[in-house]
Amino acid sequence: MQKNRWKKITLTAVLTMSMIAGTTGSSFAQSQNITIDGDHGKLAAILQTPNKTKNYPLVILMHGFTSNKEFELLTNLADDLEKEGIASLRFDFNGHGQSEGRFQDMTVPNEIEDAKHVYEYARKLPQVTSISMAGHSQGGVVTSMTAGILGTQNVKSIALMAPAAVLREDAIRGLLLGKQYDSLNPPETVELFNGLKLGANYVKTARDLPIYETSAQYQGPAFILHGTGDMLVPYTYSLRYQRIYFNSQVKLIPAEDHGFSKDIQGAAKLVTDFFKQQLK
């Protein structure tokens, strides 16, 4: 009985020491919940840093429309990057997840402002040696446009996963997730699902969004991943990205859907391999 008691105490002590080491980042990888000032309030974010590494490259991860930082593709990607000695910083855009702001006030331009705030936060971290970006769906559009605004000299590399550049044409047509509206005179809100309401400013700004023109200002290494079975965003929008990026590669996955649900781990690995090649 006494022997078992000491075993339990020893195990508890080891677990406690492991948690402390993980918190300090001295010997174990760590995931730290942080808050960053964004365009429409505070942004909830997670900084995930690699094991036994003092300095490291970092990748900012951006989720898609109505999603959040816990989207499985992004969490798998963060874990894979960590194993390769690469840190990640994923966050909820305004009006999404645990971040402040109302969903109906969200627009692509203010998501770009959120991304720029996150970039500035990452840039000031003393251990970070370079900053790259990756985004899924609308987050892919935000990634490409933010990289264009910040410039090639400031963004090491980017990865776009099923980038939703179709959103501009959808806004012009007055169509979003099966909901139709008058694009020339959009209603104050467009009812989506689960009580979500899209604001008129989203439509108005999306109609004139210079997605490819702004994105083309970035000319660093770019990787574009898309499924040929994507019914929300045709893969041809990724092929158009390839035409504006002179240092890019496109990987089309046969029959894969918009969320890469057939093989999320495989998709995350493809993106990780790209960043491993660029950042190590």
C-alpha atoms as a PDB file:
ATOM      1  CA  MET A   1       0.000   0.000   0.000  1.00  0.00           C
ATOM      2  CA  GLN A   2       2.772   2.438   0.976  1.00  0.00           C
ATOM      3  CA  LYS A   3       4.751   1.519  -2.152  1.00  0.00           C
ATOM      4  CA  ASN A   4       1.759   2.184  -4.423  1.00  0.00           C
ATOM      5  CA  ARG A   5       1.174   5.496  -2.647  1.00  0.00           C
ATOM      6  CA  TRP A   6       4.710   6.657  -3.457  1.00  0.00           C
ATOM      7  CA  LYS A   7       4.283   5.551  -7.064  1.00  0.00           C
ATOM      8  CA  LYS A   8       1.232   7.784  -7.342  1.00  0.00           C
ATOM      9  CA  ILE A   9       3.057  10.719  -5.769  1.00  0.00           C
ATOM     10  CA  THR A  10       6.039  10.254  -8.095  1.00  0.00           C
ATOM     11  CA  LEU A  11       3.781  10.066 -11.154  1.00  0.00           C
ATOM     12  CA  THR A  12       1.968  13.217 -10.064  1.00  0.00           C
ATOM     13  CA  ALA A  13       5.278  15.026  -9.605  1.00  0.00           C
ATOM     14  CA  VAL A  14       6.470  13.987 -13.063  1.00  0.00           C
ATOM     15  CA  LEU A  15       3.236  15.163 -14.675  1.00  0.00           C
ATOM     16  CA  THR A  16       3.428  18.452 -12.806  1.00  0.00           C
ATOM     17  CA  MET A  17       7.030  19.010 -13.893  1.00  0.00           C
ATOM     18  CA  SER A  18       6.076  18.207 -17.496  1.00  0.00           C
ATOM     19  CA  MET A  19       3.277  20.768 -17.417  1.00  0.00           C
ATOM     20  CA  ILE A  20       5.614  23.410 -15.978  1.00  0.00           C
ATOM     21  CA  ALA A  21       8.258  22.686 -18.605  1.00  0.00           C
ATOM     22  CA  GLY A  22       5.595  22.895 -21.312  1.00  0.00           C
ATOM     23  CA  THR A  23       4.458  26.248 -20.002  1.00  0.00           C
ATOM     24  CA  THR A  24       7.936  27.730 -20.012  1.00  0.00           C
ATOM     25  CA  GLY A  25       8.791  26.186 -23.379  1.00  0.00           C
ATOM     26  CA  SER A  26      12.183  25.031 -22.112  1.00  0.00           C
ATOM     27  CA  SER A  27      11.952  21.321 -22.968  1.00  0.00           C
ATOM     28  CA  PHE A  28       8.483  20.642 -24.276  1.00  0.00           C
ATOM     29  CA  ALA A  29       6.352  22.021 -27.089  1.00  0.00           C
ATOM     30  CA  GLN A  30       3.695  24.412 -25.921  1.00  0.00           C
ATOM     31  CA  SER A  31       0.318  25.744 -27.012  1.00  0.00           C
ATOM     32  CA  GLN A  32      -0.451  29.123 -25.535  1.00  0.00           C
ATOM     33  CA  ASN A  33      -3.835  30.851 -25.627  1.00  0.00           C
ATOM     34  CA  ILE A  34      -3.341  34.521 -26.382  1.00  0.00           C
ATOM     35  CA  THR A  35      -5.410  37.589 -27.267  1.00  0.00           C
ATOM     36  CA  ILE A  36      -4.549  40.005 -30.069  1.00  0.00           C
ATOM     37  CA  ASP A  37      -6.179  43.354 -30.802  1.00  0.00           C
ATOM     38  CA  GLY A  38      -7.993  43.080 -34.146  1.00  0.00           C
ATOM     39  CA  ASP A  39     -10.022  45.298 -36.442  1.00  0.00           C
ATOM     40  CA  HIS A  40     -13.364  44.682 -34.677  1.00  0.00           C
ATOM     41  CA  GLY A  41     -12.247  43.819 -31.151  1.00  0.00           C
ATOM     42  CA  LYS A  42      -9.976  41.262 -29.561  1.00  0.00           C
ATOM     43  CA  LEU A  43      -9.004  38.115 -31.435  1.00  0.00           C
ATOM     44  CA  ALA A  44      -8.681  34.731 -29.727  1.00  0.00           C
ATOM     45  CA  ALA A  45      -5.519  32.971 -30.886  1.00  0.00           C
ATOM     46  CA  ILE A  46      -3.274  29.986 -30.162  1.00  0.00           C
ATOM     47  CA  LEU A  47       0.500  30.182 -30.443  1.00  0.00           C
ATOM     48  CA  GLN A  48       1.950  26.704 -30.905  1.00  0.00           C
ATOM     49  CA  THR A  49       5.726  26.447 -30.702  1.00  0.00           C
ATOM     50  CA  PRO A  50       8.077  23.510 -31.358  1.00  0.00           C
ATOM     51  CA  ASN A  51       9.957  21.324 -28.920  1.00  0.00           C
ATOM     52  CA  LYS A  52      13.500  22.168 -27.769  1.00  0.00           C
ATOM     53  CA  THR A  53      13.909  25.065 -30.170  1.00  0.00           C
ATOM     54  CA  LYS A  54      14.914  28.570 -29.158  1.00  0.00           C
ATOM     55  CA  ASN A  55      14.367  30.220 -32.541  1.00  0.00           C
ATOM     56  CA  TYR A  56      11.924  29.100 -35.190  1.00  0.00           C
ATOM     57  CA  PRO A  57      10.045  30.149 -38.338  1.00  0.00           C
ATOM     58  CA  LEU A  58       6.327  30.776 -37.828  1.00  0.00           C
ATOM     59  CA  VAL A  59       3.266  30.238 -40.020  1.00  0.00           C
ATOM     60  CA  ILE A  60       0.053  32.230 -39.461  1.00  0.00           C
ATOM     61  CA  LEU A  61      -2.970  29.993 -40.086  1.00  0.00           C
ATOM     62  CA  MET A  62      -6.307  31.451 -41.257  1.00  0.00           C
ATOM     63  CA  HIS A  63      -9.668  29.680 -41.251  1.00  0.00           C
ATOM     64  CA  GLY A  64     -12.506  30.054 -43.721  1.00  0.00           C
ATOM     65  CA  PHE A  65     -15.970  31.606 -43.860  1.00  0.00           C
ATOM     66  CA  THR A  66     -18.095  30.669 -40.763  1.00  0.00           C
ATOM     67  CA  SER A  67     -15.275  28.418 -39.492  1.00  0.00           C
ATOM     68  CA  ASN A  68     -12.757  28.946 -36.663  1.00  0.00           C
ATOM     69  CA  LYS A  69      -9.212  28.207 -35.539  1.00  0.00           C
ATOM     70  CA  GLU A  70     -10.191  24.681 -34.384  1.00  0.00           C
ATOM     71  CA  PHE A  71     -11.006  23.527 -37.917  1.00  0.00           C
ATOM     72  CA  GLU A  72      -9.430  20.080 -38.165  1.00  0.00           C
ATOM     73  CA  LEU A  73      -7.300  20.910 -41.194  1.00  0.00           C
ATOM     74  CA  LEU A  74      -5.657  23.773 -39.297  1.00  0.00           C
ATOM     75  CA  THR A  75      -5.117  21.863 -36.057  1.00  0.00           C
ATOM     76  CA  ASN A  76      -3.533  18.973 -37.973  1.00  0.00           C
ATOM     77  CA  LEU A  77      -1.362  21.424 -39.861  1.00  0.00           C
ATOM     78  CA  ALA A  78      -0.268  23.131 -36.636  1.00  0.00           C
ATOM     79  CA  ASP A  79       0.696  19.777 -35.099  1.00  0.00           C
ATOM     80  CA  ASP A  80       2.593  18.686 -38.213  1.00  0.00           C
ATOM     81  CA  LEU A  81       4.473  21.980 -38.402  1.00  0.00           C
ATOM     82  CA  GLU A  82       5.411  21.721 -34.734  1.00  0.00           C
ATOM     83  CA  LYS A  83       6.984  18.303 -35.340  1.00  0.00           C
ATOM     84  CA  GLU A  84       9.134  19.896 -38.057  1.00  0.00           C
ATOM     85  CA  GLY A  85      10.350  22.672 -35.749  1.00  0.00           C
ATOM     86  CA  ILE A  86       7.978  25.285 -37.172  1.00  0.00           C
ATOM     87  CA  ALA A  87       5.716  27.398 -34.961  1.00  0.00           C
ATOM     88  CA  SER A  88       2.166  28.386 -35.863  1.00  0.00           C
ATOM     89  CA  LEU A  89      -0.232  31.105 -34.840  1.00  0.00           C
ATOM     90  CA  ARG A  90      -3.885  30.385 -35.609  1.00  0.00           C
ATOM     91  CA  PHE A  91      -6.735  32.687 -34.669  1.00  0.00           C
ATOM     92  CA  ASP A  92     -10.462  33.359 -34.971  1.00  0.00           C
ATOM     93  CA  PHE A  93     -11.383  36.216 -37.290  1.00  0.00           C
ATOM     94  CA  ASN A  94     -13.717  38.898 -35.935  1.00  0.00           C
ATOM     95  CA  GLY A  95     -17.239  37.563 -35.465  1.00  0.00           C
ATOM     96  CA  HIS A  96     -16.017  33.948 -35.506  1.00  0.00           C
ATOM     97  CA  GLY A  97     -15.206  31.434 -32.788  1.00  0.00           C
ATOM     98  CA  GLN A  98     -14.100  33.054 -29.528  1.00  0.00           C
ATOM     99  CA  SER A  99     -13.146  36.416 -31.022  1.00  0.00           C
ATOM    100  CA  GLU A 100     -15.069  39.623 -30.454  1.00  0.00           C
ATOM    101  CA  GLY A 101     -17.236  41.345 -33.043  1.00  0.00           C
ATOM    102  CA  ARG A 102     -20.471  40.411 -34.803  1.00  0.00           C
ATOM    103  CA  PHE A 103     -20.506  38.020 -37.724  1.00  0.00           C
ATOM    104  CA  GLN A 104     -22.792  40.349 -39.680  1.00  0.00           C
ATOM    105  CA  ASP A 105     -20.156  43.106 -39.473  1.00  0.00           C
ATOM    106  CA  MET A 106     -17.461  40.860 -40.936  1.00  0.00           C
ATOM    107  CA  THR A 107     -16.064  41.648 -44.403  1.00  0.00           C
ATOM    108  CA  VAL A 108     -13.030  40.408 -46.285  1.00  0.00           C
ATOM    109  CA  PRO A 109     -11.313  43.815 -45.924  1.00  0.00           C
ATOM    110  CA  ASN A 110     -11.673  43.782 -42.142  1.00  0.00           C
ATOM    111  CA  GLU A 111     -10.439  40.193 -42.048  1.00  0.00           C
ATOM    112  CA  ILE A 112      -7.357  41.423 -43.914  1.00  0.00           C
ATOM    113  CA  GLU A 113      -6.938  44.044 -41.190  1.00  0.00           C
ATOM    114  CA  ASP A 114      -7.216  41.278 -38.580  1.00  0.00           C
ATOM    115  CA  ALA A 115      -4.501  39.343 -40.407  1.00  0.00           C
ATOM    116  CA  LYS A 116      -2.242  42.399 -40.471  1.00  0.00           C
ATOM    117  CA  HIS A 117      -2.689  42.837 -36.705  1.00  0.00           C
ATOM    118  CA  VAL A 118      -1.769  39.185 -36.160  1.00  0.00           C
ATOM    119  CA  TYR A 119       1.262  39.610 -38.405  1.00  0.00           C
ATOM    120  CA  GLU A 120       2.447  42.588 -36.341  1.00  0.00           C
ATOM    121  CA  TYR A 121       2.050  40.552 -33.161  1.00  0.00           C
ATOM    122  CA  ALA A 122       4.077  37.681 -34.631  1.00  0.00           C
ATOM    123  CA  ARG A 123       6.737  40.026 -35.979  1.00  0.00           C
ATOM    124  CA  LYS A 124       7.494  41.240 -32.452  1.00  0.00           C
ATOM    125  CA  LEU A 125       8.029  37.770 -30.996  1.00  0.00           C
ATOM    126  CA  PRO A 126      11.774  37.521 -30.248  1.00  0.00           C
ATOM    127  CA  GLN A 127      12.138  33.836 -31.216  1.00  0.00           C
ATOM    128  CA  VAL A 128      10.548  34.173 -34.665  1.00  0.00           C
ATOM    129  CA  THR A 129      13.022  34.121 -37.560  1.00  0.00           C
ATOM    130  CA  SER A 130      10.512  34.470 -40.432  1.00  0.00           C
ATOM    131  CA  ILE A 131       6.759  34.660 -41.014  1.00  0.00           C
ATOM    132  CA  SER A 132       4.764  32.675 -43.544  1.00  0.00           C
ATOM    133  CA  MET A 133       1.006  32.392 -44.023  1.00  0.00           C
ATOM    134  CA  ALA A 134      -1.538  29.711 -44.855  1.00  0.00           C
ATOM    135  CA  GLY A 135      -5.292  29.949 -45.272  1.00  0.00           C
ATOM    136  CA  HIS A 136      -8.277  27.787 -46.145  1.00  0.00           C
ATOM    137  CA  SER A 137     -11.207  28.936 -48.303  1.00  0.00           C
ATOM    138  CA  GLN A 138     -11.943  32.611 -47.558  1.00  0.00           C
ATOM    139  CA  GLY A 139      -8.886  32.482 -45.311  1.00  0.00           C
ATOM    140  CA  GLY A 140      -6.924  31.602 -48.439  1.00  0.00           C
ATOM    141  CA  VAL A 141      -8.128  34.786 -50.123  1.00  0.00           C
ATOM    142  CA  VAL A 142      -7.208  36.790 -47.017  1.00  0.00           C
ATOM    143  CA  THR A 143      -3.791  35.101 -46.975  1.00  0.00           C
ATOM    144  CA  SER A 144      -3.070  35.945 -50.604  1.00  0.00           C
ATOM    145  CA  MET A 145      -4.244  39.549 -50.365  1.00  0.00           C
ATOM    146  CA  THR A 146      -2.497  40.203 -47.035  1.00  0.00           C
ATOM    147  CA  ALA A 147       0.751  38.808 -48.440  1.00  0.00           C
ATOM    148  CA  GLY A 148       0.335  41.132 -51.426  1.00  0.00           C
ATOM    149  CA  ILE A 149      -0.192  44.127 -49.158  1.00  0.00           C
ATOM    150  CA  LEU A 150       2.709  43.289 -46.826  1.00  0.00           C
ATOM    151  CA  GLY A 151       5.053  42.457 -49.697  1.00  0.00           C
ATOM    152  CA  THR A 152       7.400  39.673 -50.680  1.00  0.00           C
ATOM    153  CA  GLN A 153      10.163  40.957 -48.422  1.00  0.00           C
ATOM    154  CA  ASN A 154       7.977  40.527 -45.326  1.00  0.00           C
ATOM    155  CA  VAL A 155       6.260  37.194 -46.017  1.00  0.00           C
ATOM    156  CA  LYS A 156       8.557  34.207 -46.463  1.00  0.00           C
ATOM    157  CA  SER A 157       6.082  31.841 -48.159  1.00  0.00           C
ATOM    158  CA  ILE A 158       2.345  31.190 -48.459  1.00  0.00           C
ATOM    159  CA  ALA A 159       0.011  28.215 -48.857  1.00  0.00           C
ATOM    160  CA  LEU A 160      -3.553  28.536 -50.138  1.00  0.00           C
ATOM    161  CA  MET A 161      -5.957  25.654 -49.445  1.00  0.00           C
ATOM    162  CA  ALA A 162      -9.037  25.741 -51.683  1.00  0.00           C
ATOM    163  CA  PRO A 163      -8.858  29.565 -51.830  1.00  0.00           C
ATOM    164  CA  ALA A 164     -12.374  30.955 -52.278  1.00  0.00           C
ATOM    165  CA  ALA A 165     -11.659  33.590 -54.914  1.00  0.00           C
ATOM    166  CA  VAL A 166     -15.120  32.782 -56.292  1.00  0.00           C
ATOM    167  CA  LEU A 167     -16.553  34.982 -53.524  1.00  0.00           C
ATOM    168  CA  ARG A 168     -16.302  38.084 -55.729  1.00  0.00           C
ATOM    169  CA  GLU A 169     -18.322  36.500 -58.548  1.00  0.00           C
ATOM    170  CA  ASP A 170     -20.798  35.095 -56.021  1.00  0.00           C
ATOM    171  CA  ALA A 171     -21.345  38.599 -54.620  1.00  0.00           C
ATOM    172  CA  ILE A 172     -21.902  39.961 -58.129  1.00  0.00           C
ATOM    173  CA  ARG A 173     -24.399  37.183 -58.872  1.00  0.00           C
ATOM    174  CA  GLY A 174     -26.149  37.629 -55.527  1.00  0.00           C
ATOM    175  CA  LEU A 175     -25.580  34.046 -54.446  1.00  0.00           C
ATOM    176  CA  LEU A 176     -24.049  32.673 -51.246  1.00  0.00           C
ATOM    177  CA  LEU A 177     -24.349  29.159 -49.849  1.00  0.00           C
ATOM    178  CA  GLY A 178     -27.576  28.663 -51.785  1.00  0.00           C
ATOM    179  CA  LYS A 179     -29.090  31.950 -50.607  1.00  0.00           C
ATOM    180  CA  GLN A 180     -30.030  34.443 -53.317  1.00  0.00           C
ATOM    181  CA  TYR A 181     -30.370  38.215 -52.957  1.00  0.00           C
ATOM    182  CA  ASP A 182     -30.324  41.415 -55.008  1.00  0.00           C
ATOM    183  CA  SER A 183     -26.601  42.113 -55.367  1.00  0.00           C
ATOM    184  CA  LEU A 184     -27.159  45.686 -56.596  1.00  0.00           C
ATOM    185  CA  ASN A 185     -29.337  46.488 -53.611  1.00  0.00           C
ATOM    186  CA  PRO A 186     -28.446  43.902 -50.963  1.00  0.00           C
ATOM    187  CA  PRO A 187     -30.650  43.610 -47.878  1.00  0.00           C
ATOM    188  CA  GLU A 188     -29.343  44.739 -44.509  1.00  0.00           C
ATOM    189  CA  THR A 189     -28.670  41.103 -43.676  1.00  0.00           C
ATOM    190  CA  VAL A 190     -28.736  37.798 -45.543  1.00  0.00           C
ATOM    191  CA  GLU A 191     -29.972  34.866 -43.436  1.00  0.00           C
ATOM    192  CA  LEU A 192     -27.584  31.930 -43.667  1.00  0.00           C
ATOM    193  CA  PHE A 193     -27.903  29.075 -41.154  1.00  0.00           C
ATOM    194  CA  ASN A 194     -27.920  28.533 -37.381  1.00  0.00           C
ATOM    195  CA  GLY A 195     -28.937  32.137 -36.875  1.00  0.00           C
ATOM    196  CA  LEU A 196     -25.961  33.578 -38.773  1.00  0.00           C
ATOM    197  CA  LYS A 197     -26.661  36.782 -40.659  1.00  0.00           C
ATOM    198  CA  LEU A 198     -24.362  38.201 -43.312  1.00  0.00           C
ATOM    199  CA  GLY A 199     -24.263  41.991 -43.456  1.00  0.00           C
ATOM    200  CA  ALA A 200     -24.784  44.118 -46.569  1.00  0.00           C
ATOM    201  CA  ASN A 201     -21.256  45.524 -46.286  1.00  0.00           C
ATOM    202  CA  TYR A 202     -19.845  42.076 -46.932  1.00  0.00           C
ATOM    203  CA  VAL A 203     -21.621  41.968 -50.277  1.00  0.00           C
ATOM    204  CA  LYS A 204     -20.802  45.565 -51.214  1.00  0.00           C
ATOM    205  CA  THR A 205     -17.074  45.165 -50.516  1.00  0.00           C
ATOM    206  CA  ALA A 206     -16.854  41.701 -52.085  1.00  0.00           C
ATOM    207  CA  ARG A 207     -18.319  42.884 -55.418  1.00  0.00           C
ATOM    208  CA  ASP A 208     -15.294  45.105 -56.080  1.00  0.00           C
ATOM    209  CA  LEU A 209     -12.628  43.109 -54.270  1.00  0.00           C
ATOM    210  CA  PRO A 210      -9.341  43.154 -56.263  1.00  0.00           C
ATOM    211  CA  ILE A 211      -8.383  39.637 -55.231  1.00  0.00           C
ATOM    212  CA  TYR A 212      -5.888  38.667 -57.910  1.00  0.00           C
ATOM    213  CA  GLU A 213      -4.615  42.201 -58.525  1.00  0.00           C
ATOM    214  CA  THR A 214      -3.653  42.627 -54.858  1.00  0.00           C
ATOM    215  CA  SER A 215      -2.399  39.059 -54.474  1.00  0.00           C
ATOM    216  CA  ALA A 216      -0.045  39.453 -57.457  1.00  0.00           C
ATOM    217  CA  GLN A 217       1.991  42.009 -55.508  1.00  0.00           C
ATOM    218  CA  TYR A 218       3.435  39.029 -53.608  1.00  0.00           C
ATOM    219  CA  GLN A 219       5.943  36.997 -55.607  1.00  0.00           C
ATOM    220  CA  GLY A 220       7.502  34.694 -53.036  1.00  0.00           C
ATOM    221  CA  PRO A 221       7.108  30.907 -52.897  1.00  0.00           C
ATOM    222  CA  ALA A 222       3.437  29.870 -53.074  1.00  0.00           C
ATOM    223  CA  PHE A 223       1.725  26.494 -52.796  1.00  0.00           C
ATOM    224  CA  ILE A 224      -1.905  26.067 -53.831  1.00  0.00           C
ATOM    225  CA  LEU A 225      -3.867  22.960 -52.848  1.00  0.00           C
ATOM    226  CA  HIS A 226      -7.331  22.206 -54.230  1.00  0.00           C
ATOM    227  CA  GLY A 227      -9.670  19.273 -54.724  1.00  0.00           C
ATOM    228  CA  THR A 228     -11.182  18.622 -58.147  1.00  0.00           C
ATOM    229  CA  GLY A 229     -14.423  17.595 -56.442  1.00  0.00           C
ATOM    230  CA  ASP A 230     -14.842  20.951 -54.698  1.00  0.00           C
ATOM    231  CA  MET A 231     -18.481  21.969 -55.277  1.00  0.00           C
ATOM    232  CA  LEU A 232     -18.219  25.307 -53.436  1.00  0.00           C
ATOM    233  CA  VAL A 233     -15.095  26.722 -55.073  1.00  0.00           C
ATOM    234  CA  PRO A 234     -14.119  25.300 -58.475  1.00  0.00           C
ATOM    235  CA  TYR A 235     -10.437  24.407 -58.671  1.00  0.00           C
ATOM    236  CA  THR A 236     -10.067  26.694 -61.690  1.00  0.00           C
ATOM    237  CA  TYR A 237      -9.786  29.602 -59.237  1.00  0.00           C
ATOM    238  CA  SER A 238      -6.582  28.037 -57.923  1.00  0.00           C
ATOM    239  CA  LEU A 239      -5.254  27.604 -61.453  1.00  0.00           C
ATOM    240  CA  ARG A 240      -5.760  31.339 -61.915  1.00  0.00           C
ATOM    241  CA  TYR A 241      -3.574  31.956 -58.857  1.00  0.00           C
ATOM    242  CA  GLN A 242      -0.869  29.925 -60.561  1.00  0.00           C
ATOM    243  CA  ARG A 243      -0.958  32.359 -63.481  1.00  0.00           C
ATOM    244  CA  ILE A 244      -0.202  35.366 -61.245  1.00  0.00           C
ATOM    245  CA  TYR A 245       2.468  33.707 -59.092  1.00  0.00           C
ATOM    246  CA  PHE A 246       5.771  33.110 -60.887  1.00  0.00           C
ATOM    247  CA  ASN A 247       7.177  30.993 -58.045  1.00  0.00           C
ATOM    248  CA  SER A 248       4.264  28.681 -57.346  1.00  0.00           C
ATOM    249  CA  GLN A 249       3.076  25.115 -57.551  1.00  0.00           C
ATOM    250  CA  VAL A 250      -0.489  23.791 -57.655  1.00  0.00           C
ATOM    251  CA  LYS A 251      -1.476  20.388 -56.328  1.00  0.00           C
ATOM    252  CA  LEU A 252      -4.895  19.141 -57.424  1.00  0.00           C
ATOM    253  CA  ILE A 253      -6.320  16.227 -55.430  1.00  0.00           C
ATOM    254  CA  PRO A 254      -8.688  14.095 -57.517  1.00  0.00           C
ATOM    255  CA  ALA A 255     -12.307  14.039 -56.240  1.00  0.00           C
ATOM    256  CA  GLU A 256     -11.400  15.834 -52.985  1.00  0.00           C
ATOM    257  CA  ASP A 257     -14.010  18.233 -51.578  1.00  0.00           C
ATOM    258  CA  HIS A 258     -13.767  21.803 -50.280  1.00  0.00           C
ATOM    259  CA  GLY A 259     -12.881  20.812 -46.721  1.00  0.00           C
ATOM    260  CA  PHE A 260     -10.471  18.013 -47.749  1.00  0.00           C
ATOM    261  CA  SER A 261     -12.657  15.664 -45.709  1.00  0.00           C
ATOM    262  CA  LYS A 262     -11.597  12.556 -47.617  1.00  0.00           C
ATOM    263  CA  ASP A 263      -8.039  12.886 -46.291  1.00  0.00           C
ATOM    264  CA  ILE A 264      -7.500  15.875 -44.015  1.00  0.00           C
ATOM    265  CA  GLN A 265      -4.264  14.463 -42.619  1.00  0.00           C
ATOM    266  CA  GLY A 266      -2.916  13.969 -46.121  1.00  0.00           C
ATOM    267  CA  ALA A 267      -3.790  17.540 -47.077  1.00  0.00           C
ATOM    268  CA  ALA A 268      -2.109  18.894 -43.947  1.00  0.00           C
ATOM    269  CA  LYS A 269       1.006  16.857 -44.718  1.00  0.00           C
ATOM    270  CA  LEU A 270       1.242  18.243 -48.249  1.00  0.00           C
ATOM    271  CA  VAL A 271       1.186  21.798 -46.893  1.00  0.00           C
ATOM    272  CA  THR A 272       3.652  20.904 -44.142  1.00  0.00           C
ATOM    273  CA  ASP A 273       6.054  19.406 -46.681  1.00  0.00           C
ATOM    274  CA  PHE A 274       5.940  22.654 -48.654  1.00  0.00           C
ATOM    275  CA  PHE A 275       6.768  24.768 -45.604  1.00  0.00           C
ATOM    276  CA  LYS A 276       9.439  22.302 -44.508  1.00  0.00           C
ATOM    277  CA  GLN A 277      11.116  22.740 -47.883  1.00  0.00           C
ATOM    278  CA  GLN A 278      10.894  26.537 -47.749  1.00  0.00           C
ATOM    279  CA  LEU A 279      11.715  27.170 -44.089  1.00  0.00           C
ATOM    280  CA  LYS A 280      14.232  24.564 -42.976  1.00  0.00           C
END
